[in-house]
Amino acid sequence: MPFLVSFIANIARKRPELNRDKTKLIPKSGRFHNLIALDMNGSKLWEAELPTTSTGDCYIEISSKKPLQAISFKSYVSEIDIGTGMIISKNFTK
């Protein structure tokens, strides 16, 4: 089943702002699940697990597509299961 992995880059904001289609506010604090998989109709299949439970954590870069790896704000490189969005492995890099 084909699908798209989407990365929302500028999600961590200093103050709440409306998203692009102006339907919801992006919060100013919390954890930001900004790496998601969508089916070809735009329905969400999963959102990637974050490597920490720390406030402010989010993914800041996709470092590899095969395997899917993303770098978090809290300095983890996580390998993400492409079928579920769960973390397969993570390494602290700071």
C-alpha atoms as a PDB file:
ATOM      1  CA  MET A   1       0.000   0.000   0.000  1.00  0.00           C
ATOM      2  CA  PRO A   2       1.663   3.278  -1.046  1.00  0.00           C
ATOM      3  CA  PHE A   3       1.918   6.079   1.481  1.00  0.00           C
ATOM      4  CA  LEU A   4       3.723   9.360   2.160  1.00  0.00           C
ATOM      5  CA  VAL A   5       5.867  10.293   5.164  1.00  0.00           C
ATOM      6  CA  SER A   6       5.418  13.960   6.012  1.00  0.00           C
ATOM      7  CA  PHE A   7       7.715  16.071   8.168  1.00  0.00           C
ATOM      8  CA  ILE A   8       6.394  19.326   9.626  1.00  0.00           C
ATOM      9  CA  ALA A   9       9.583  21.324  10.115  1.00  0.00           C
ATOM     10  CA  ASN A  10       8.617  24.534  11.907  1.00  0.00           C
ATOM     11  CA  ILE A  11       6.342  23.138  14.572  1.00  0.00           C
ATOM     12  CA  ALA A  12       8.162  24.345  17.706  1.00  0.00           C
ATOM     13  CA  ARG A  13       7.061  27.950  18.087  1.00  0.00           C
ATOM     14  CA  LYS A  14       7.510  30.569  20.786  1.00  0.00           C
ATOM     15  CA  ARG A  15       3.789  31.396  20.706  1.00  0.00           C
ATOM     16  CA  PRO A  16       0.720  29.624  19.364  1.00  0.00           C
ATOM     17  CA  GLU A  17       0.128  30.155  15.651  1.00  0.00           C
ATOM     18  CA  LEU A  18      -2.442  28.901  13.173  1.00  0.00           C
ATOM     19  CA  ASN A  19      -1.369  26.078  10.899  1.00  0.00           C
ATOM     20  CA  ARG A  20      -1.339  26.614   7.123  1.00  0.00           C
ATOM     21  CA  ASP A  21      -5.021  25.929   6.528  1.00  0.00           C
ATOM     22  CA  LYS A  22      -5.902  28.050   9.597  1.00  0.00           C
ATOM     23  CA  THR A  23      -7.885  25.283  11.292  1.00  0.00           C
ATOM     24  CA  LYS A  24      -5.903  24.682  14.486  1.00  0.00           C
ATOM     25  CA  LEU A  25      -3.406  26.375  16.763  1.00  0.00           C
ATOM     26  CA  ILE A  26       0.081  24.974  17.116  1.00  0.00           C
ATOM     27  CA  PRO A  27       0.861  24.952  20.867  1.00  0.00           C
ATOM     28  CA  LYS A  28       3.826  26.773  22.365  1.00  0.00           C
ATOM     29  CA  SER A  29       4.903  23.954  24.680  1.00  0.00           C
ATOM     30  CA  GLY A  30       4.659  20.194  24.964  1.00  0.00           C
ATOM     31  CA  ARG A  31       5.853  17.337  22.790  1.00  0.00           C
ATOM     32  CA  PHE A  32       5.361  17.760  19.059  1.00  0.00           C
ATOM     33  CA  HIS A  33       4.595  14.666  16.996  1.00  0.00           C
ATOM     34  CA  ASN A  34       5.646  16.204  13.701  1.00  0.00           C
ATOM     35  CA  LEU A  35       6.657  13.116  11.705  1.00  0.00           C
ATOM     36  CA  ILE A  36       3.587  11.393  10.267  1.00  0.00           C
ATOM     37  CA  ALA A  37       2.652   8.906   7.556  1.00  0.00           C
ATOM     38  CA  LEU A  38      -0.346   9.596   5.328  1.00  0.00           C
ATOM     39  CA  ASP A  39      -2.130   7.310   2.889  1.00  0.00           C
ATOM     40  CA  MET A  40      -2.683   8.532  -0.667  1.00  0.00           C
ATOM     41  CA  ASN A  41      -6.032  10.088   0.390  1.00  0.00           C
ATOM     42  CA  GLY A  42      -4.334  12.196   3.074  1.00  0.00           C
ATOM     43  CA  SER A  43      -5.582  10.143   6.041  1.00  0.00           C
ATOM     44  CA  LYS A  44      -3.084   9.732   8.874  1.00  0.00           C
ATOM     45  CA  LEU A  45      -1.691   6.192   9.210  1.00  0.00           C
ATOM     46  CA  TRP A  46       0.628   6.891  12.136  1.00  0.00           C
ATOM     47  CA  GLU A  47       2.633   9.555  13.914  1.00  0.00           C
ATOM     48  CA  ALA A  48       6.199   8.689  14.841  1.00  0.00           C
ATOM     49  CA  GLU A  49       7.030   7.877  18.425  1.00  0.00           C
ATOM     50  CA  LEU A  50       9.363  10.440  19.997  1.00  0.00           C
ATOM     51  CA  PRO A  51      12.594   9.264  21.648  1.00  0.00           C
ATOM     52  CA  THR A  52      11.958  11.107  24.944  1.00  0.00           C
ATOM     53  CA  THR A  53       9.072  12.253  27.106  1.00  0.00           C
ATOM     54  CA  SER A  54      10.706  15.670  27.578  1.00  0.00           C
ATOM     55  CA  THR A  55       8.787  18.881  26.937  1.00  0.00           C
ATOM     56  CA  GLY A  56       9.809  20.497  23.671  1.00  0.00           C
ATOM     57  CA  ASP A  57      10.934  17.322  21.941  1.00  0.00           C
ATOM     58  CA  CYS A  58      10.191  17.006  18.229  1.00  0.00           C
ATOM     59  CA  TYR A  59      11.962  15.813  15.104  1.00  0.00           C
ATOM     60  CA  ILE A  60      14.101  18.457  13.426  1.00  0.00           C
ATOM     61  CA  GLU A  61      15.471  16.536  10.451  1.00  0.00           C
ATOM     62  CA  ILE A  62      15.015  13.342   8.460  1.00  0.00           C
ATOM     63  CA  SER A  63      18.560  12.056   8.102  1.00  0.00           C
ATOM     64  CA  SER A  64      17.776   8.932   6.048  1.00  0.00           C
ATOM     65  CA  LYS A  65      14.805   7.612   4.085  1.00  0.00           C
ATOM     66  CA  LYS A  66      15.932   3.951   3.873  1.00  0.00           C
ATOM     67  CA  PRO A  67      15.994   3.100   6.689  1.00  0.00           C
ATOM     68  CA  LEU A  68      13.825   5.946   7.975  1.00  0.00           C
ATOM     69  CA  GLN A  69      15.914   7.861  10.502  1.00  0.00           C
ATOM     70  CA  ALA A  70      15.137  11.200  12.123  1.00  0.00           C
ATOM     71  CA  ILE A  71      17.048  13.522  14.438  1.00  0.00           C
ATOM     72  CA  SER A  72      15.223  14.960  17.439  1.00  0.00           C
ATOM     73  CA  PHE A  73      15.602  18.315  19.159  1.00  0.00           C
ATOM     74  CA  LYS A  74      16.832  16.434  22.248  1.00  0.00           C
ATOM     75  CA  SER A  75      19.823  15.047  20.261  1.00  0.00           C
ATOM     76  CA  TYR A  76      18.621  11.525  19.460  1.00  0.00           C
ATOM     77  CA  VAL A  77      18.897   9.790  16.102  1.00  0.00           C
ATOM     78  CA  SER A  78      15.960   7.375  15.896  1.00  0.00           C
ATOM     79  CA  GLU A  79      15.312   4.633  13.377  1.00  0.00           C
ATOM     80  CA  ILE A  80      11.553   4.575  12.780  1.00  0.00           C
ATOM     81  CA  ASP A  81       9.573   1.492  11.712  1.00  0.00           C
ATOM     82  CA  ILE A  82       8.026   2.534   8.384  1.00  0.00           C
ATOM     83  CA  GLY A  83       4.934   0.383   9.021  1.00  0.00           C
ATOM     84  CA  THR A  84       4.045   1.545  12.530  1.00  0.00           C
ATOM     85  CA  GLY A  85       5.927   4.750  13.378  1.00  0.00           C
ATOM     86  CA  MET A  86       7.475   3.073  16.433  1.00  0.00           C
ATOM     87  CA  ILE A  87      11.149   3.514  17.269  1.00  0.00           C
ATOM     88  CA  ILE A  88      13.300   0.515  16.338  1.00  0.00           C
ATOM     89  CA  SER A  89      16.479   1.980  17.826  1.00  0.00           C
ATOM     90  CA  LYS A  90      17.726   5.313  19.125  1.00  0.00           C
ATOM     91  CA  ASN A  91      21.150   6.777  19.846  1.00  0.00           C
ATOM     92  CA  PHE A  92      21.949   9.858  21.925  1.00  0.00           C
ATOM     93  CA  THR A  93      24.394  12.012  19.953  1.00  0.00           C
ATOM     94  CA  LYS A  94      25.162  15.063  22.086  1.00  0.00           C
END
